Amino acid sequence: MFERFTREARVAVIDAQTHAVRLLAERIEPEHLLLALLDTNAGLLAELDLQPDVLAADLSRDRRRGGISESDVAALEEFGIDVERIVERVERVHGENALAGAGRPRKRRWFGSEHIPFADETKRALELTLTEALELGHKHIGVEHLLLALTTMPGPVADLLQAHGADHAAVRQALARERAG
């Protein structure tokens, strides 16, 4: 399947590993794919009116909270739970980004490179890229298919994209506009 990926999509998958290494992650998660897409796909993001720096900041905030999304924060606030205050107290005791789930720096393997495995959710997202490409009648798999796959995966990345107006339907409409224009 990887042979169908465009050069830009391959770079995004490789850059996802770079983001995972930088964040000391144990696995390459869907959020790392999104961070890589933010680095590489200005055209589609602009068409969706998404600002990469805002999305990256929101991903960082959610990671700092241990993956608790804005909608979850709002629901907890209804019960009088102040998530930010809890995060601050945990960080005071355990250090900055204690809830982010970052592990220890990984030992180098594979001839000096950092190799981090894909999380099951990320593997599923990569598999969904083929489905998205086939549904659109495309023979290649591009970054647009990666973004579409991320919008269909339940979880914090899809929630964040939806909160910014980039759900599956919106991405498909943006692709149609981009191809027509």
Protein backbone atom coordinates (compact mmCIF):
# COMPACT_ATOMS: atom_id res chain seq x y z
CA MET A 1 0.00 0.00 0.00
CA PHE A 2 2.83 2.41 0.86
CA GLU A 3 3.87 2.38 -2.81
CA ARG A 4 0.63 4.26 -3.61
CA PHE A 5 1.57 7.13 -1.27
CA THR A 6 2.62 10.35 -2.93
CA ARG A 7 5.98 11.81 -1.99
CA GLU A 8 4.24 14.40 0.22
CA ALA A 9 2.24 11.69 2.03
CA ARG A 10 5.38 9.61 2.60
CA VAL A 11 7.13 12.65 4.04
CA ALA A 12 4.17 13.23 6.37
CA VAL A 13 4.35 9.65 7.67
CA ILE A 14 8.11 9.97 8.23
CA ASP A 15 7.65 13.37 9.88
CA ALA A 16 5.04 11.85 12.21
CA GLN A 17 7.85 9.71 13.62
CA THR A 18 10.00 12.84 14.04
CA HIS A 19 7.21 14.48 16.05
CA ALA A 20 6.82 11.34 18.18
CA VAL A 21 10.57 11.31 18.93
CA ARG A 22 10.53 15.03 19.79
CA LEU A 23 7.61 14.52 22.18
CA LEU A 24 9.23 11.43 23.75
CA ALA A 25 6.24 9.31 22.77
CA GLU A 26 6.24 5.54 23.08
CA ARG A 27 4.28 5.13 19.82
CA ILE A 28 3.40 7.18 16.75
CA GLU A 29 -0.13 8.36 17.49
CA PRO A 30 -2.72 9.98 15.19
CA GLU A 31 -1.82 13.36 16.73
CA HIS A 32 1.72 12.96 15.34
CA LEU A 33 0.26 12.38 11.87
CA LEU A 34 -1.79 15.55 12.24
CA LEU A 35 1.28 17.52 13.36
CA ALA A 36 3.13 16.25 10.29
CA LEU A 37 0.22 17.27 8.04
CA LEU A 38 0.30 20.74 9.57
CA ASP A 39 3.92 20.97 8.46
CA THR A 40 3.33 19.86 4.88
CA ASN A 41 -0.11 20.76 3.52
CA ALA A 42 -0.64 24.49 3.52
CA GLY A 43 -2.99 24.49 0.50
CA LEU A 44 -5.68 22.20 1.87
CA LEU A 45 -5.38 23.69 5.35
CA ALA A 46 -5.88 27.18 3.93
CA GLU A 47 -8.87 25.96 1.95
CA LEU A 48 -10.33 24.67 5.23
CA ASP A 49 -9.39 27.94 6.95
CA LEU A 50 -7.28 26.01 9.46
CA GLN A 51 -4.33 27.70 11.09
CA PRO A 52 -1.52 25.20 11.73
CA ASP A 53 -0.13 27.12 14.70
CA VAL A 54 -3.56 27.21 16.39
CA LEU A 55 -4.14 23.49 15.82
CA ALA A 56 -0.64 22.65 17.08
CA ALA A 57 -1.24 24.75 20.21
CA ASP A 58 -4.58 23.00 20.80
CA LEU A 59 -2.92 19.58 20.40
CA SER A 60 -0.26 20.63 22.89
CA ARG A 61 -2.91 21.82 25.36
CA ASP A 62 -4.86 18.57 25.04
CA ARG A 63 -1.65 16.54 25.45
CA ARG A 64 -0.74 18.55 28.57
CA ARG A 65 -4.19 17.69 29.97
CA GLY A 66 -3.58 13.99 29.39
CA GLY A 67 -5.77 13.91 26.29
CA ILE A 68 -8.81 15.54 27.87
CA SER A 69 -10.54 17.45 25.06
CA GLU A 70 -12.27 20.82 25.27
CA SER A 71 -15.68 19.18 25.24
CA ASP A 72 -14.63 16.90 28.12
CA VAL A 73 -13.30 19.91 30.03
CA ALA A 74 -16.64 21.68 29.55
CA ALA A 75 -18.54 18.62 30.77
CA LEU A 76 -16.32 18.33 33.86
CA GLU A 77 -16.74 22.03 34.59
CA GLU A 78 -20.51 21.45 34.79
CA PHE A 79 -19.74 19.25 37.81
CA GLY A 80 -17.49 21.91 39.32
CA ILE A 81 -14.24 20.22 38.32
CA ASP A 82 -11.51 22.65 37.27
CA VAL A 83 -9.28 20.60 34.95
CA GLU A 84 -6.66 23.34 34.57
CA ARG A 85 -6.26 23.57 38.33
CA ILE A 86 -5.83 19.79 38.55
CA VAL A 87 -3.24 19.81 35.75
CA GLU A 88 -1.32 22.62 37.47
CA ARG A 89 -1.25 20.73 40.78
CA VAL A 90 -0.11 17.51 39.11
CA GLU A 91 2.63 19.40 37.26
CA ARG A 92 3.76 21.08 40.49
CA VAL A 93 4.31 17.67 42.08
CA HIS A 94 5.40 15.57 39.08
CA GLY A 95 6.86 18.11 36.66
CA GLU A 96 5.79 19.90 33.52
CA ASN A 97 3.67 17.86 31.10
CA ALA A 98 3.34 15.03 33.65
CA LEU A 99 -0.05 14.03 32.20
CA ALA A 100 1.19 14.10 28.61
CA GLY A 101 2.24 10.47 28.84
CA ALA A 102 5.73 11.08 27.49
CA GLY A 103 8.07 8.27 28.31
CA ARG A 104 11.77 8.19 28.80
CA PRO A 105 14.03 9.02 25.86
CA ARG A 106 14.24 5.90 23.76
CA LYS A 107 17.48 4.04 23.19
CA ARG A 108 18.76 4.22 19.66
CA ARG A 109 18.09 1.18 17.53
CA TRP A 110 18.27 0.26 13.89
CA PHE A 111 21.69 1.62 13.00
CA GLY A 112 21.46 4.79 15.05
CA SER A 113 17.95 5.82 14.07
CA GLU A 114 15.04 6.35 16.42
CA HIS A 115 12.42 3.77 15.62
CA ILE A 116 9.04 4.09 17.25
CA PRO A 117 6.19 1.72 16.39
CA PHE A 118 2.84 2.90 15.14
CA ALA A 119 -0.05 2.86 17.59
CA ASP A 120 -2.98 0.67 16.54
CA GLU A 121 -5.08 3.80 15.93
CA THR A 122 -2.41 5.17 13.60
CA LYS A 123 -2.19 1.89 11.70
CA ARG A 124 -5.96 2.02 11.30
CA ALA A 125 -5.78 5.60 10.03
CA LEU A 126 -3.14 4.60 7.48
CA GLU A 127 -5.36 1.71 6.35
CA LEU A 128 -8.31 4.10 6.02
CA THR A 129 -6.32 6.28 3.61
CA LEU A 130 -6.71 3.57 0.99
CA THR A 131 -10.47 3.45 1.56
CA GLU A 132 -10.68 7.24 1.24
CA ALA A 133 -8.62 7.24 -1.97
CA LEU A 134 -10.72 4.47 -3.52
CA GLU A 135 -13.99 6.21 -2.59
CA LEU A 136 -12.75 9.33 -4.38
CA GLY A 137 -11.61 7.29 -7.40
CA HIS A 138 -7.94 8.13 -6.86
CA LYS A 139 -5.12 5.73 -7.64
CA HIS A 140 -2.67 7.53 -5.36
CA ILE A 141 -2.78 8.15 -1.62
CA GLY A 142 -2.02 11.74 -0.72
CA VAL A 143 -2.02 13.95 2.34
CA GLU A 144 -5.66 14.75 1.66
CA HIS A 145 -6.50 11.08 2.22
CA LEU A 146 -4.50 11.10 5.45
CA LEU A 147 -6.52 14.08 6.66
CA LEU A 148 -9.80 12.43 5.64
CA ALA A 149 -8.81 9.26 7.50
CA LEU A 150 -8.00 11.25 10.65
CA THR A 151 -11.47 12.83 10.56
CA THR A 152 -13.11 9.39 10.60
CA MET A 153 -11.11 8.01 13.53
CA PRO A 154 -12.97 8.49 16.81
CA GLY A 155 -10.80 10.28 19.33
CA PRO A 156 -9.11 13.54 20.24
CA VAL A 157 -7.71 14.29 16.76
CA ALA A 158 -11.08 13.98 15.02
CA ASP A 159 -12.69 15.94 17.86
CA LEU A 160 -10.14 18.73 17.47
CA LEU A 161 -10.54 18.85 13.69
CA GLN A 162 -14.32 18.94 14.07
CA ALA A 163 -14.06 21.74 16.64
CA HIS A 164 -12.18 23.74 14.01
CA GLY A 165 -14.76 23.01 11.32
CA ALA A 166 -12.78 20.30 9.54
CA ASP A 167 -14.98 17.23 9.82
CA HIS A 168 -15.09 14.58 7.10
CA ALA A 169 -17.73 16.37 5.02
CA ALA A 170 -15.90 19.73 5.24
CA VAL A 171 -12.62 18.17 4.09
CA ARG A 172 -14.36 16.48 1.15
CA GLN A 173 -16.00 19.79 0.18
CA ALA A 174 -12.65 21.58 0.39
CA LEU A 175 -11.08 18.94 -1.86
CA ALA A 176 -13.89 19.38 -4.39
CA ARG A 177 -13.41 23.18 -4.36
CA GLU A 178 -9.64 22.79 -4.67
CA ARG A 179 -10.00 20.49 -7.68
CA ALA A 180 -12.64 22.69 -9.33
CA GLY A 181 -10.62 25.88 -8.86
